[in-house]
Amino acid sequence: MRFAMSSMGIERWKRFKANRRGFYSLWIFLGLFGLSLFAELISNDKPLLISYGGGLYLPMATSYTEKAFGGEFSTAADYRDPAVQSLIKAKGWILWPPIRFSYNTMNYDLPSPAPSPPTLINPLGTDEKGRDILAILIYGFRLSVIFGLTLSILSSMVGVAVGAVQGYYGGKIDILGQRFIEIWSGMPTLFLLIILSSVVQPNFWWLLLITLLFGWMSLVGLVRAEFLRARNFEYVQAAKALGVSNSRIIFRHILPNAMVASLTFLPFILGGSITTLTTLDFLGFGLPVGSPSLGDLLSQGKNNLQAPWIGISTFIVIAGVLSLLVFIGEAVRDAFDPRRAYK
């Protein structure tokens, strides 16, 4: 079945493409995120493929002992050990990924104490634990974007649902909802996040739940205003007169129109979600110790001013990602603005 875009969708896509900065930013962001999804194939301390004694081995999929390659120990093979590499190369070959470090791999053969400056082996240097910064950035970028996308989608779903109910029904439901949002939004969100993160050992899903509790209100006001405006339109009144259910009117007739304005905010919400995770990690209340964290690298850069490569490289990545998302958001805004011309 072929996908057919409506004439309005074609017009919006042309307006989006007319914003060259946002159009190219979208492809750059998608390309970087797509590459990061294969981080294990790009940056890993395990070989991609081993040929030994006429057989093929996949170390990233299966754990092999040193004895499998003619060694003496029954423990898992350390492929970075020169002795293990010599055993394998005596009867085969090793195919390594482009970067021979994972995000938690410590380089014990550094030319200077950690944090070590950039070298050919570690192009961006190492952090204070001797881990390769480039590997941490690749894995940290992937984790931050996945966290931001998940949080943005879930918070948008909750915010759109709450705004739709308030705007469509109005009256007491709208008044009570607005008073609750005023109280809830007036809470010191960052302090509450820090308190909750210090009570329970944080992980990806726990942090997602905590941030979702306070991050769902960004689209409520916009969707509520659209529903308050549209609920008195003639086609909505006609649908009510014909006995169409409220849920069908909300999701089939009004919500598509309300989502047009909401979609323009999604890139900015994504940027805010990534910033939230980075901030919590920077303050030490984010992901568990040892996770690939951009915020933790920023904190290390602050604590190790004699190693500027840590903070500079991390700042460039974060600033670059947020800039791309802002440019994409501007292009999406132009796409949904019928007054915008395109070439």
Protein backbone atom coordinates (compact mmCIF):
# COMPACT_ATOMS: atom_id res chain seq x y z
CA MET A 1 0.00 0.00 0.00
CA ARG A 2 1.47 3.33 -1.05
CA PHE A 3 1.58 6.26 1.35
CA ALA A 4 -0.26 9.28 -0.03
CA MET A 5 0.25 12.68 1.57
CA SER A 6 -2.63 15.13 1.54
CA SER A 7 -2.34 18.42 -0.30
CA MET A 8 -2.10 20.25 3.03
CA GLY A 9 0.65 17.90 4.15
CA ILE A 10 2.55 18.56 0.91
CA GLU A 11 2.26 22.32 1.46
CA ARG A 12 3.56 21.98 5.02
CA TRP A 13 6.46 19.82 3.89
CA LYS A 14 7.41 22.43 1.27
CA ARG A 15 7.31 25.18 3.88
CA PHE A 16 9.48 23.01 6.16
CA LYS A 17 12.02 22.44 3.37
CA ALA A 18 12.05 26.17 2.61
CA ASN A 19 13.69 26.69 6.00
CA ARG A 20 17.06 25.29 4.92
CA ARG A 21 18.64 25.59 8.33
CA GLY A 22 15.92 23.53 9.99
CA PHE A 23 15.72 21.05 7.10
CA TYR A 24 19.44 20.24 7.20
CA SER A 25 19.39 20.23 11.01
CA LEU A 26 16.73 17.52 10.93
CA TRP A 27 18.85 15.25 8.74
CA ILE A 28 21.98 15.92 10.77
CA PHE A 29 20.16 15.11 14.01
CA LEU A 30 18.57 11.96 12.57
CA GLY A 31 21.94 10.88 11.17
CA LEU A 32 23.74 11.35 14.48
CA PHE A 33 20.99 9.62 16.43
CA GLY A 34 20.86 6.78 13.91
CA LEU A 35 24.60 6.22 14.25
CA SER A 36 24.38 6.32 18.05
CA LEU A 37 21.82 3.50 17.98
CA PHE A 38 24.68 1.29 16.77
CA ALA A 39 27.09 2.54 19.42
CA GLU A 40 28.12 -1.01 20.34
CA LEU A 41 29.34 -1.52 16.77
CA ILE A 42 31.20 1.80 16.72
CA SER A 43 32.74 1.95 20.18
CA ASN A 44 33.36 -1.23 22.14
CA ASP A 45 36.12 -3.00 24.04
CA LYS A 46 35.07 -6.29 22.47
CA PRO A 47 35.89 -7.25 18.86
CA LEU A 48 33.16 -7.31 16.25
CA LEU A 49 34.33 -10.66 14.90
CA ILE A 50 37.06 -13.18 15.67
CA SER A 51 38.35 -15.91 13.41
CA TYR A 52 40.20 -18.61 15.34
CA GLY A 53 41.10 -22.11 14.24
CA GLY A 54 38.78 -21.94 11.24
CA GLY A 55 35.75 -20.90 13.37
CA LEU A 56 34.03 -17.55 13.75
CA TYR A 57 33.27 -15.99 17.13
CA LEU A 58 30.99 -13.08 18.05
CA PRO A 59 32.28 -11.69 21.39
CA MET A 60 29.54 -9.04 21.63
CA ALA A 61 26.83 -11.69 21.45
CA THR A 62 28.47 -14.51 23.41
CA SER A 63 30.94 -14.57 26.28
CA TYR A 64 33.96 -16.77 25.64
CA THR A 65 36.57 -17.93 28.12
CA GLU A 66 40.26 -17.57 27.57
CA LYS A 67 40.52 -21.34 27.14
CA ALA A 68 38.43 -21.09 23.96
CA PHE A 69 41.42 -19.35 22.36
CA GLY A 70 44.11 -21.63 23.78
CA GLY A 71 44.60 -19.81 27.08
CA GLU A 72 44.95 -21.20 30.59
CA PHE A 73 42.10 -19.50 32.47
CA SER A 74 38.38 -20.31 32.57
CA THR A 75 37.41 -16.69 33.14
CA ALA A 76 35.99 -14.42 30.44
CA ALA A 77 38.58 -13.45 27.87
CA ASP A 78 40.00 -9.95 28.14
CA TYR A 79 40.39 -9.03 24.48
CA ARG A 80 42.46 -5.96 25.32
CA ASP A 81 45.11 -8.16 26.93
CA PRO A 82 48.11 -8.45 24.55
CA ALA A 83 48.54 -12.08 25.59
CA VAL A 84 44.99 -12.96 24.52
CA GLN A 85 45.42 -11.06 21.27
CA SER A 86 48.62 -13.01 20.54
CA LEU A 87 46.81 -16.32 21.13
CA ILE A 88 44.05 -15.36 18.71
CA LYS A 89 46.35 -13.96 16.01
CA ALA A 90 48.43 -17.14 16.10
CA LYS A 91 45.52 -19.06 14.54
CA GLY A 92 43.27 -16.34 13.14
CA TRP A 93 42.47 -12.64 13.13
CA ILE A 94 40.49 -9.98 15.04
CA LEU A 95 38.08 -7.40 13.62
CA TRP A 96 37.83 -4.44 15.99
CA PRO A 97 35.27 -1.59 15.99
CA PRO A 98 36.57 1.88 15.01
CA ILE A 99 36.88 2.87 18.69
CA ARG A 100 38.25 0.17 20.98
CA PHE A 101 36.62 1.48 24.13
CA SER A 102 33.15 1.23 25.60
CA TYR A 103 31.74 3.95 27.84
CA ASN A 104 32.93 2.13 30.99
CA THR A 105 36.29 0.86 29.70
CA MET A 106 39.26 2.16 31.64
CA ASN A 107 42.50 2.67 29.78
CA TYR A 108 45.30 1.56 32.10
CA ASP A 109 48.02 2.34 29.54
CA LEU A 110 47.86 6.14 29.66
CA PRO A 111 50.81 8.41 28.87
CA SER A 112 49.97 10.55 31.92
CA PRO A 113 47.73 10.28 34.99
CA ALA A 114 43.99 10.54 34.36
CA PRO A 115 42.45 12.74 33.15
CA SER A 116 44.80 12.27 30.21
CA PRO A 117 44.95 14.72 27.25
CA PRO A 118 43.92 13.71 23.72
CA THR A 119 46.09 11.15 21.95
CA LEU A 120 45.77 9.00 18.85
CA ILE A 121 44.28 6.23 20.99
CA ASN A 122 41.93 8.58 22.87
CA PRO A 123 41.15 11.40 20.37
CA LEU A 124 39.24 13.47 22.95
CA GLY A 125 41.28 12.38 25.95
CA THR A 126 40.07 10.53 29.03
CA ASP A 127 38.05 11.53 32.07
CA GLU A 128 39.24 11.39 35.66
CA LYS A 129 38.58 7.62 35.76
CA GLY A 130 40.59 6.89 32.64
CA ARG A 131 37.55 6.28 30.41
CA ASP A 132 37.55 7.38 26.78
CA ILE A 133 35.57 10.63 26.44
CA LEU A 134 34.55 10.01 22.82
CA ALA A 135 32.99 6.67 23.78
CA ILE A 136 31.13 8.28 26.69
CA LEU A 137 29.82 11.04 24.41
CA ILE A 138 28.50 8.52 21.87
CA TYR A 139 26.69 6.43 24.47
CA GLY A 140 25.63 9.48 26.49
CA PHE A 141 24.16 11.19 23.43
CA ARG A 142 22.09 8.10 22.66
CA LEU A 143 20.86 7.76 26.23
CA SER A 144 19.99 11.46 26.51
CA VAL A 145 18.02 11.51 23.25
CA ILE A 146 16.13 8.31 24.10
CA PHE A 147 15.29 9.71 27.53
CA GLY A 148 14.23 13.03 26.01
CA LEU A 149 12.08 11.41 23.32
CA THR A 150 10.35 9.12 25.81
CA LEU A 151 9.72 11.95 28.25
CA SER A 152 8.51 14.29 25.50
CA ILE A 153 6.05 11.74 24.10
CA LEU A 154 4.64 10.72 27.48
CA SER A 155 4.40 14.27 28.84
CA SER A 156 2.76 15.46 25.62
CA MET A 157 0.18 12.65 25.77
CA VAL A 158 -0.72 13.53 29.37
CA GLY A 159 -0.74 17.27 28.71
CA VAL A 160 -2.88 16.96 25.58
CA ALA A 161 -5.37 14.68 27.37
CA VAL A 162 -5.70 17.03 30.37
CA GLY A 163 -6.00 20.12 28.18
CA ALA A 164 -8.60 18.43 25.96
CA VAL A 165 -10.79 17.44 28.90
CA GLN A 166 -10.57 20.89 30.48
CA GLY A 167 -11.27 22.77 27.28
CA TYR A 168 -14.09 20.55 26.02
CA TYR A 169 -16.13 20.22 29.20
CA GLY A 170 -15.28 23.60 30.72
CA GLY A 171 -17.20 24.68 33.81
CA LYS A 172 -16.15 23.18 37.14
CA ILE A 173 -13.84 20.67 35.51
CA ASP A 174 -11.91 23.48 33.86
CA ILE A 175 -11.81 25.64 36.99
CA LEU A 176 -10.65 22.80 39.26
CA GLY A 177 -8.09 21.69 36.69
CA GLN A 178 -6.67 25.19 36.38
CA ARG A 179 -6.40 25.63 40.15
CA PHE A 180 -4.61 22.27 40.45
CA ILE A 181 -2.18 23.17 37.66
CA GLU A 182 -1.48 26.55 39.28
CA ILE A 183 -0.61 24.83 42.58
CA TRP A 184 1.35 22.01 40.94
CA SER A 185 3.34 24.34 38.67
CA GLY A 186 4.15 26.60 41.64
CA MET A 187 6.10 23.85 43.39
CA PRO A 188 9.93 24.06 43.34
CA THR A 189 10.32 21.36 40.72
CA LEU A 190 14.11 21.08 40.78
CA PHE A 191 14.25 20.78 44.58
CA LEU A 192 11.55 18.12 44.56
CA LEU A 193 13.41 16.19 41.88
CA ILE A 194 16.58 16.36 43.96
CA ILE A 195 14.76 15.22 47.10
CA LEU A 196 13.03 12.30 45.38
CA SER A 197 16.24 11.28 43.61
CA SER A 198 18.11 11.26 46.92
CA VAL A 199 15.48 9.08 48.63
CA VAL A 200 15.39 6.33 45.99
CA GLN A 201 18.33 4.95 44.01
CA PRO A 202 17.76 6.58 40.63
CA ASN A 203 17.70 4.70 37.36
CA PHE A 204 16.43 5.44 33.86
CA TRP A 205 12.77 4.58 34.53
CA TRP A 206 12.65 6.15 37.99
CA LEU A 207 14.04 9.42 36.66
CA LEU A 208 11.57 9.25 33.78
CA LEU A 209 8.66 8.87 36.21
CA ILE A 210 9.85 11.70 38.45
CA THR A 211 10.37 14.15 35.59
CA LEU A 212 7.05 13.15 34.03
CA LEU A 213 5.24 14.11 37.24
CA PHE A 214 6.31 17.73 36.76
CA GLY A 215 6.82 17.94 33.00
CA TRP A 216 3.36 17.26 31.58
CA MET A 217 1.97 20.80 31.86
CA SER A 218 3.75 22.42 28.91
CA LEU A 219 0.97 21.70 26.37
CA VAL A 220 -2.07 21.92 28.66
CA GLY A 221 -2.70 25.63 28.18
CA LEU A 222 -2.34 25.50 24.41
CA VAL A 223 -4.61 22.47 23.92
CA ARG A 224 -7.14 23.84 26.42
CA ALA A 225 -7.36 27.13 24.51
CA GLU A 226 -7.88 25.29 21.21
CA PHE A 227 -10.68 23.18 22.67
CA LEU A 228 -12.37 26.19 24.32
CA ARG A 229 -12.36 27.90 20.93
CA ALA A 230 -13.42 24.91 18.85
CA ARG A 231 -16.14 23.43 21.06
CA ASN A 232 -18.58 26.15 19.95
CA PHE A 233 -17.93 25.73 16.24
CA GLU A 234 -20.87 24.73 14.09
CA TYR A 235 -19.51 21.32 13.10
CA VAL A 236 -19.05 20.41 16.78
CA GLN A 237 -22.57 21.55 17.65
CA ALA A 238 -23.91 19.61 14.67
CA ALA A 239 -22.08 16.48 15.80
CA LYS A 240 -23.60 16.82 19.27
CA ALA A 241 -27.06 17.28 17.78
CA LEU A 242 -26.59 14.07 15.76
CA GLY A 243 -25.79 12.17 18.95
CA VAL A 244 -22.07 11.68 18.36
CA SER A 245 -20.32 10.69 21.57
CA ASN A 246 -18.11 13.18 23.39
CA SER A 247 -15.03 10.96 23.07
CA ARG A 248 -15.49 10.74 19.30
CA ILE A 249 -15.92 14.51 19.01
CA ILE A 250 -12.79 15.08 21.10
CA PHE A 251 -10.49 12.64 19.30
CA ARG A 252 -11.96 12.71 15.79
CA HIS A 253 -13.08 16.30 15.25
CA ILE A 254 -11.28 18.69 17.60
CA LEU A 255 -8.01 17.03 18.59
CA PRO A 256 -6.48 16.92 15.07
CA ASN A 257 -6.90 20.70 14.80
CA ALA A 258 -5.49 21.25 18.29
CA MET A 259 -2.46 19.04 17.55
CA VAL A 260 -1.38 21.30 14.69
CA ALA A 261 -0.27 24.00 17.13
CA SER A 262 1.03 21.47 19.64
CA LEU A 263 3.43 19.81 17.20
CA THR A 264 5.41 23.02 16.82
CA PHE A 265 6.44 22.78 20.49
CA LEU A 266 7.69 19.17 20.42
CA PRO A 267 11.31 19.93 19.37
CA PHE A 268 11.57 22.51 22.15
CA ILE A 269 10.06 20.08 24.67
CA LEU A 270 12.62 17.48 23.57
CA GLY A 271 15.43 19.96 24.13
CA GLY A 272 14.08 20.78 27.58
CA SER A 273 13.86 17.08 28.47
CA ILE A 274 17.50 16.50 27.48
CA THR A 275 18.52 19.54 29.54
CA THR A 276 16.62 18.21 32.57
CA LEU A 277 18.50 14.90 32.54
CA THR A 278 21.82 16.68 32.00
CA THR A 279 21.11 19.02 34.92
CA LEU A 280 20.26 16.18 37.31
CA ASP A 281 23.39 14.27 36.28
CA PHE A 282 25.49 17.40 36.69
CA LEU A 283 24.18 17.87 40.24
CA GLY A 284 24.74 14.20 41.08
CA PHE A 285 21.07 13.24 41.37
CA GLY A 286 20.65 11.62 37.99
CA LEU A 287 21.62 8.28 36.53
CA PRO A 288 23.59 5.74 38.59
CA VAL A 289 27.35 6.12 38.88
CA GLY A 290 29.11 4.67 35.86
CA SER A 291 26.32 5.43 33.38
CA PRO A 292 27.24 7.25 30.15
CA SER A 293 26.19 10.71 31.24
CA LEU A 294 26.74 14.08 29.58
CA GLY A 295 25.95 15.85 32.84
CA ASP A 296 28.57 13.83 34.71
CA LEU A 297 31.18 14.81 32.11
CA LEU A 298 30.24 18.47 32.60
CA SER A 299 30.68 18.03 36.34
CA GLN A 300 34.09 16.45 35.78
CA GLY A 301 35.04 19.35 33.53
CA LYS A 302 34.12 21.77 36.30
CA ASN A 303 36.15 19.84 38.86
CA ASN A 304 39.16 19.41 36.57
CA LEU A 305 39.89 22.82 35.11
CA GLN A 306 43.40 21.63 34.30
CA ALA A 307 41.79 19.23 31.78
CA PRO A 308 39.78 21.58 29.52
CA TRP A 309 39.17 18.86 26.91
CA ILE A 310 36.53 17.31 29.16
CA GLY A 311 34.29 20.35 29.49
CA ILE A 312 34.89 21.72 25.99
CA SER A 313 34.02 18.49 24.15
CA THR A 314 30.90 17.91 26.28
CA PHE A 315 29.76 21.52 25.88
CA ILE A 316 30.11 21.28 22.09
CA VAL A 317 27.96 18.13 21.99
CA ILE A 318 25.21 19.52 24.24
CA ALA A 319 25.18 22.93 22.56
CA GLY A 320 25.15 21.31 19.14
CA VAL A 321 22.22 19.02 19.97
CA LEU A 322 20.14 21.82 21.49
CA SER A 323 20.92 24.12 18.55
CA LEU A 324 19.79 21.47 16.07
CA LEU A 325 16.54 21.00 17.98
CA VAL A 326 15.90 24.76 18.06
CA PHE A 327 16.48 25.01 14.31
CA ILE A 328 14.15 22.04 13.72
CA GLY A 329 11.52 23.65 15.92
CA GLU A 330 11.71 26.87 13.94
CA ALA A 331 11.25 24.95 10.69
CA VAL A 332 8.25 23.05 12.11
CA ARG A 333 6.73 26.34 13.23
CA ASP A 334 7.15 27.72 9.71
CA ALA A 335 5.63 24.55 8.24
CA PHE A 336 2.39 25.02 10.15
CA ASP A 337 2.19 28.76 9.46
CA PRO A 338 0.06 29.24 6.29
CA ARG A 339 1.36 32.80 5.94
CA ARG A 340 4.86 31.52 5.25
CA ALA A 341 5.89 31.41 1.61
CA TYR A 342 8.11 28.74 0.14
CA LYS A 343 10.20 28.34 -2.98
